[in-house]
């Protein structure tokens, strides 16, 4: 493809090899109604099936399909980052490869963007996920909103269309803790949210176990908020004030009424309680220090093993 694409589609690929031909067919049909000048960037995040071979075959059939093969499994948001770094379209669509994000909704997102919006994200009506995944999503967004003071609808994922200006701004964010949707929220611009259809998963199973989802949620909170640190300071000061007041009360009782200061059991319980608070506070500080350690190493966000296209020096 020699001309600049009008639309780029970026999709991370993991565990959904069999859905890729159908994804390409439906993307071609949907995007062709907007413009024939498009590209589909499939980023293989070390998928355990034959995804890379399938991507190579699709790229041979249609040069508008571009494949990127990462050297190992870096994670969904790192794979999205890799795709965005090579997306050249005026508009960039980010979506999953498992066909839960419905390709036929892209024209609707595009039309909404033409009304003066820089990014349009989809609210998944009648979300086709397990009750546990939907509950976990609601809990995450509720906790994240509390710590970051950012309001995000629980039905919103990565699926949306973004102008090149938005993506250019997102590319500037090089921190190790990656969350594309939260980055797109942080950079601002004129944003719209519209209702879209959401389909059942066509193949495979989600790679997000409970532990992995919890780790992603904690990373997002630590990356976007220092409220936990400020809470530990407030908690420590509050307990110090209560301790001083209680000590004053004990001295007052002893001097006024001669009440002896006793209570070995309560003393030990208080000691263990405050020790637990101190250790927990140190642990929270340690997590933030660990994130700082990850950042100062300045390791690359991803490593490319192979591509289906010729890579040019990319300074973005």
Protein backbone atom coordinates (compact mmCIF):
# COMPACT_ATOMS: atom_id res chain seq x y z
CA UNK A 1 0.00 0.00 0.00
CA UNK A 2 1.60 3.21 -1.14
CA UNK A 3 -0.91 5.86 -0.02
CA UNK A 4 -1.40 6.97 3.56
CA UNK A 5 -4.22 5.03 5.24
CA UNK A 6 -7.25 6.92 6.41
CA UNK A 7 -8.05 4.34 9.10
CA UNK A 8 -5.73 2.07 11.06
CA UNK A 9 -7.03 -0.84 13.11
CA UNK A 10 -4.82 -2.07 15.96
CA UNK A 11 -5.64 -5.39 17.57
CA UNK A 12 -3.52 -7.42 20.01
CA UNK A 13 -3.62 -11.14 19.31
CA UNK A 14 -3.49 -13.86 21.95
CA UNK A 15 -5.24 -17.22 21.98
CA UNK A 16 -7.68 -16.46 19.14
CA UNK A 17 -5.92 -17.76 16.04
CA UNK A 18 -9.08 -19.27 14.53
CA UNK A 19 -10.96 -15.96 14.68
CA UNK A 20 -8.39 -13.96 12.68
CA UNK A 21 -9.58 -14.80 9.12
CA UNK A 22 -13.17 -13.97 10.11
CA UNK A 23 -11.97 -10.79 11.82
CA UNK A 24 -10.13 -9.71 8.67
CA UNK A 25 -13.15 -10.47 6.45
CA UNK A 26 -15.54 -8.47 8.61
CA UNK A 27 -13.11 -5.59 9.08
CA UNK A 28 -12.61 -5.36 5.33
CA UNK A 29 -16.36 -5.28 4.74
CA UNK A 30 -17.00 -2.70 7.48
CA UNK A 31 -14.12 -0.29 6.83
CA UNK A 32 -14.49 -0.39 3.06
CA UNK A 33 -17.79 1.46 3.51
CA UNK A 34 -15.74 4.36 4.93
CA UNK A 35 -12.56 4.29 2.85
CA UNK A 36 -10.53 1.76 0.85
CA UNK A 37 -7.38 3.28 2.32
CA UNK A 38 -6.92 1.41 5.58
CA UNK A 39 -4.51 -0.87 7.40
CA UNK A 40 -5.03 -3.64 9.92
CA UNK A 41 -2.18 -4.05 12.40
CA UNK A 42 -2.26 -7.40 14.18
CA UNK A 43 0.21 -7.69 17.07
CA UNK A 44 1.02 -11.26 18.06
CA UNK A 45 1.68 -11.22 21.80
CA UNK A 46 3.39 -14.65 21.80
CA UNK A 47 0.09 -16.41 21.27
CA UNK A 48 0.41 -20.14 22.12
CA UNK A 49 -1.42 -21.21 18.94
CA UNK A 50 -0.46 -20.63 15.28
CA UNK A 51 -1.48 -16.99 15.31
CA UNK A 52 1.73 -15.66 13.76
CA UNK A 53 1.53 -18.05 10.81
CA UNK A 54 -2.10 -17.02 10.26
CA UNK A 55 -1.18 -13.33 10.38
CA UNK A 56 1.61 -13.92 7.83
CA UNK A 57 -0.83 -15.62 5.45
CA UNK A 58 -3.33 -12.76 5.76
CA UNK A 59 -0.54 -10.25 5.09
CA UNK A 60 0.49 -12.17 1.97
CA UNK A 61 -3.08 -12.07 0.68
CA UNK A 62 -3.59 -8.37 1.46
CA UNK A 63 -0.70 -5.90 2.05
CA UNK A 64 -3.06 -3.75 4.08
CA UNK A 65 -2.69 -6.34 6.83
CA UNK A 66 0.48 -5.71 8.84
CA UNK A 67 1.77 -8.20 11.36
CA UNK A 68 4.03 -7.58 14.34
CA UNK A 69 5.44 -10.52 16.26
CA UNK A 70 6.63 -9.74 19.80
CA UNK A 71 9.57 -11.68 21.23
CA UNK A 72 7.53 -12.88 24.22
CA UNK A 73 4.23 -12.29 25.95
CA UNK A 74 4.35 -8.69 27.17
CA UNK A 75 0.63 -8.26 27.87
CA UNK A 76 -2.38 -6.78 26.11
CA UNK A 77 -1.63 -3.11 26.69
CA UNK A 78 2.01 -3.46 25.64
CA UNK A 79 0.87 -5.15 22.44
CA UNK A 80 -1.53 -2.26 21.84
CA UNK A 81 1.39 0.14 22.38
CA UNK A 82 3.43 -1.68 19.74
CA UNK A 83 0.58 -1.46 17.24
CA UNK A 84 0.00 2.23 17.92
CA UNK A 85 3.68 3.00 17.32
CA UNK A 86 3.28 1.79 13.72
CA UNK A 87 -0.24 3.06 13.02
CA UNK A 88 -0.26 5.74 10.30
CA UNK A 89 -3.96 6.41 9.85
CA UNK A 90 -5.80 9.67 10.35
CA UNK A 91 -8.09 7.67 12.62
CA UNK A 92 -7.05 4.66 14.70
CA UNK A 93 -9.41 1.95 15.89
CA UNK A 94 -8.33 -0.15 18.89
CA UNK A 95 -10.18 -3.42 19.42
CA UNK A 96 -9.80 -7.01 20.63
CA UNK A 97 -9.33 -9.89 18.20
CA UNK A 98 -11.86 -12.32 19.70
CA UNK A 99 -14.84 -10.73 17.86
CA UNK A 100 -16.49 -9.58 21.08
CA UNK A 101 -15.77 -6.10 19.75
CA UNK A 102 -18.09 -6.09 16.73
CA UNK A 103 -16.33 -4.84 13.55
CA UNK A 104 -19.63 -3.68 12.07
CA UNK A 105 -19.81 -1.01 14.79
CA UNK A 106 -16.75 0.83 13.43
CA UNK A 107 -18.75 2.94 10.92
CA UNK A 108 -21.01 4.04 13.79
CA UNK A 109 -17.96 5.09 15.82
CA UNK A 110 -16.53 6.89 12.79
CA UNK A 111 -19.75 8.79 12.11
CA UNK A 112 -19.88 9.93 15.73
CA UNK A 113 -16.26 11.10 15.49
CA UNK A 114 -17.10 13.24 12.46
CA UNK A 115 -19.43 15.33 14.62
CA UNK A 116 -16.46 17.13 16.14
CA UNK A 117 -15.02 14.54 18.51
CA UNK A 118 -11.37 13.48 18.76
CA UNK A 119 -12.16 10.11 20.26
CA UNK A 120 -15.29 8.03 20.51
CA UNK A 121 -15.43 4.97 22.76
CA UNK A 122 -18.11 2.34 22.91
CA UNK A 123 -20.33 1.48 25.84
CA UNK A 124 -21.00 -2.25 25.67
CA UNK A 125 -24.76 -2.69 25.90
CA UNK A 126 -25.87 -6.16 27.00
CA UNK A 127 -22.28 -7.11 27.75
CA UNK A 128 -21.63 -10.75 26.85
CA UNK A 129 -19.27 -11.66 29.69
CA UNK A 130 -19.54 -13.82 32.77
CA UNK A 131 -21.15 -12.35 35.88
CA UNK A 132 -17.79 -12.57 37.65
CA UNK A 133 -16.00 -10.55 34.97
CA UNK A 134 -18.72 -7.90 34.97
CA UNK A 135 -18.66 -7.72 38.78
CA UNK A 136 -14.87 -7.46 38.80
CA UNK A 137 -15.07 -4.65 36.23
CA UNK A 138 -17.57 -2.70 38.34
CA UNK A 139 -15.44 -3.11 41.45
CA UNK A 140 -12.29 -2.02 39.64
CA UNK A 141 -13.83 1.13 38.20
CA UNK A 142 -15.46 2.01 41.53
CA UNK A 143 -12.14 1.66 43.39
CA UNK A 144 -10.22 3.41 40.61
CA UNK A 145 -12.68 6.30 40.58
CA UNK A 146 -12.27 6.68 44.35
CA UNK A 147 -8.48 6.78 44.23
CA UNK A 148 -8.03 8.77 41.02
CA UNK A 149 -11.16 10.99 41.08
CA UNK A 150 -11.77 9.95 37.44
CA UNK A 151 -15.23 8.83 36.36
CA UNK A 152 -15.27 5.94 33.89
CA UNK A 153 -18.37 4.01 32.83
CA UNK A 154 -18.03 0.33 33.79
CA UNK A 155 -19.16 -0.84 30.34
CA UNK A 156 -16.33 0.94 28.49
CA UNK A 157 -13.31 -1.00 27.26
CA UNK A 158 -10.59 -0.25 24.72
CA UNK A 159 -12.87 -0.46 21.68
CA UNK A 160 -13.12 2.96 20.12
CA UNK A 161 -11.85 5.26 17.40
CA UNK A 162 -9.16 7.84 18.10
CA UNK A 163 -7.77 10.70 16.06
CA UNK A 164 -4.08 10.76 15.18
CA UNK A 165 -3.67 13.70 17.60
CA UNK A 166 -4.97 11.61 20.48
CA UNK A 167 -2.72 8.67 19.60
CA UNK A 168 0.26 10.98 19.17
CA UNK A 169 -0.32 12.22 22.72
CA UNK A 170 -0.72 8.68 24.06
CA UNK A 171 2.59 7.72 22.42
CA UNK A 172 4.35 10.33 24.53
CA UNK A 173 3.48 8.35 27.66
CA UNK A 174 6.36 5.91 28.13
CA UNK A 175 5.79 4.62 31.66
CA UNK A 176 5.98 0.88 32.28
CA UNK A 177 2.49 0.59 33.80
CA UNK A 178 0.34 0.48 30.67
CA UNK A 179 -3.40 0.96 30.43
CA UNK A 180 -4.47 2.30 27.05
CA UNK A 181 -8.03 3.21 28.03
CA UNK A 182 -6.87 5.20 31.05
CA UNK A 183 -4.16 6.92 28.98
CA UNK A 184 -6.79 7.97 26.44
CA UNK A 185 -8.91 9.32 29.28
CA UNK A 186 -5.97 11.23 30.79
CA UNK A 187 -4.84 13.02 27.60
CA UNK A 188 -8.23 14.68 27.32
CA UNK A 189 -9.48 16.03 23.94
CA UNK A 190 -13.10 16.10 22.84
CA UNK A 191 -14.53 12.75 23.89
CA UNK A 192 -17.82 11.00 23.23
CA UNK A 193 -19.30 7.71 24.42
CA UNK A 194 -21.93 5.83 22.43
CA UNK A 195 -23.78 2.55 22.87
CA UNK A 196 -22.49 -0.36 20.80
CA UNK A 197 -23.30 -4.06 20.48
CA UNK A 198 -21.13 -6.58 22.28
CA UNK A 199 -20.87 -10.20 21.13
CA UNK A 200 -20.08 -13.45 22.88
CA UNK A 201 -16.47 -14.60 22.67
CA UNK A 202 -15.97 -16.45 19.36
CA UNK A 203 -13.08 -18.64 20.50
CA UNK A 204 -10.65 -19.30 23.30
CA UNK A 205 -10.89 -18.03 26.85
CA UNK A 206 -9.81 -14.83 28.52
CA UNK A 207 -6.16 -14.84 29.62
CA UNK A 208 -7.03 -12.61 32.58
CA UNK A 209 -7.11 -14.83 35.66
CA UNK A 210 -8.29 -13.33 38.95
CA UNK A 211 -4.69 -12.78 40.13
CA UNK A 212 -3.65 -11.22 36.83
CA UNK A 213 -6.69 -8.94 36.77
CA UNK A 214 -6.01 -7.91 40.38
CA UNK A 215 -2.38 -7.12 39.54
CA UNK A 216 -3.49 -5.02 36.55
CA UNK A 217 -5.96 -3.14 38.74
CA UNK A 218 -3.32 -2.40 41.40
CA UNK A 219 -0.85 -1.27 38.73
CA UNK A 220 -3.44 1.11 37.31
CA UNK A 221 -4.19 2.59 40.74
CA UNK A 222 -0.50 3.01 41.62
CA UNK A 223 0.25 4.54 38.22
CA UNK A 224 -2.57 7.09 38.30
CA UNK A 225 -2.94 8.01 41.96
CA UNK A 226 -0.89 8.69 45.10
CA UNK A 227 -4.00 8.76 47.26
CA UNK A 228 -2.96 5.57 49.10
CA UNK A 229 0.21 7.29 50.27
CA UNK A 230 -1.72 10.32 51.46
CA UNK A 231 -4.20 8.04 53.24
CA UNK A 232 -1.39 6.32 55.18
CA UNK A 233 -0.12 9.72 56.32
CA UNK A 234 -3.60 10.73 57.50
CA UNK A 235 -4.09 7.37 59.20
CA UNK A 236 -0.76 7.67 61.04
CA UNK A 237 -1.49 11.20 62.19
CA UNK A 238 -4.98 10.20 63.32
CA UNK A 239 -3.68 7.31 65.44
CA UNK A 240 -0.96 9.52 66.91
CA UNK A 241 -3.56 12.11 67.91
CA UNK A 242 -5.84 9.46 69.42
CA UNK A 243 -2.89 8.00 71.35
CA UNK A 244 -1.99 11.40 72.78
CA UNK A 245 -5.59 12.07 73.79
CA UNK A 246 -5.94 8.63 75.37
CA UNK A 247 -2.66 9.03 77.26
CA UNK A 248 -3.83 12.39 78.55
CA UNK A 249 -7.09 10.83 79.71
CA UNK A 250 -5.23 8.08 81.61
CA UNK A 251 -3.00 10.64 83.37
CA UNK A 252 -6.03 12.80 84.16
CA UNK A 253 -7.88 9.86 85.74
CA UNK A 254 -4.84 8.87 87.78
CA UNK A 255 -4.22 12.37 89.12
CA UNK A 256 -7.89 13.21 89.78
CA UNK A 257 -9.31 9.93 91.05
CA UNK A 258 -6.24 7.82 91.65
CA UNK A 259 -7.35 5.24 89.09
CA UNK A 260 -4.42 2.86 88.47
CA UNK A 261 -3.27 2.38 84.88
CA UNK A 262 -3.85 -1.28 84.08
CA UNK A 263 -4.74 -3.35 81.05
CA UNK A 264 -2.02 -5.72 79.85
CA UNK A 265 -4.37 -7.43 77.37
CA UNK A 266 -5.56 -4.19 75.79
CA UNK A 267 -1.95 -3.00 75.59
CA UNK A 268 -0.84 -6.09 73.69
CA UNK A 269 -3.84 -5.94 71.36
CA UNK A 270 -3.15 -2.28 70.63
CA UNK A 271 0.53 -3.07 70.05
CA UNK A 272 -0.24 -5.77 67.48
CA UNK A 273 -2.86 -3.57 65.80
CA UNK A 274 -0.56 -0.59 65.42
CA UNK A 275 2.31 -2.85 64.32
CA UNK A 276 0.08 -4.25 61.59
CA UNK A 277 -0.78 -0.73 60.47
CA UNK A 278 2.89 0.22 60.35
CA UNK A 279 3.85 -2.86 58.34
CA UNK A 280 0.94 -2.31 55.95
CA UNK A 281 1.92 1.32 55.44
CA UNK A 282 5.52 0.32 54.76
CA UNK A 283 4.21 -2.24 52.26
CA UNK A 284 2.24 0.43 50.39
CA UNK A 285 5.31 2.65 50.26
CA UNK A 286 7.33 -0.35 49.08
CA UNK A 287 4.93 -0.95 46.18
CA UNK A 288 5.34 2.64 45.02
CA UNK A 289 9.13 2.34 45.37
CA UNK A 290 8.98 -0.86 43.30
CA UNK A 291 7.13 0.99 40.55
CA UNK A 292 9.78 3.73 40.64
CA UNK A 293 12.44 1.02 40.33
CA UNK A 294 10.71 -0.36 37.22
CA UNK A 295 10.59 3.11 35.67
CA UNK A 296 14.22 4.11 36.29
CA UNK A 297 15.50 0.97 34.55
CA UNK A 298 14.19 2.47 31.30
CA UNK A 299 13.69 -0.90 29.65
CA UNK A 300 11.86 -0.99 26.30
CA UNK A 301 8.12 -1.44 26.54
CA UNK A 302 8.21 -4.31 24.04
CA UNK A 303 10.64 -6.14 21.76
CA UNK A 304 9.75 -7.01 18.17
CA UNK A 305 10.89 -10.38 16.87
CA UNK A 306 9.57 -10.04 13.30
CA UNK A 307 7.17 -8.09 11.11
CA UNK A 308 5.42 -8.71 7.82
CA UNK A 309 6.51 -5.29 6.58
CA UNK A 310 9.74 -3.36 6.31
CA UNK A 311 10.34 -1.35 9.46
CA UNK A 312 11.61 2.20 9.07
CA UNK A 313 13.30 4.06 11.89
CA UNK A 314 10.42 5.05 14.12
CA UNK A 315 11.16 8.02 16.36
CA UNK A 316 7.61 8.25 17.68
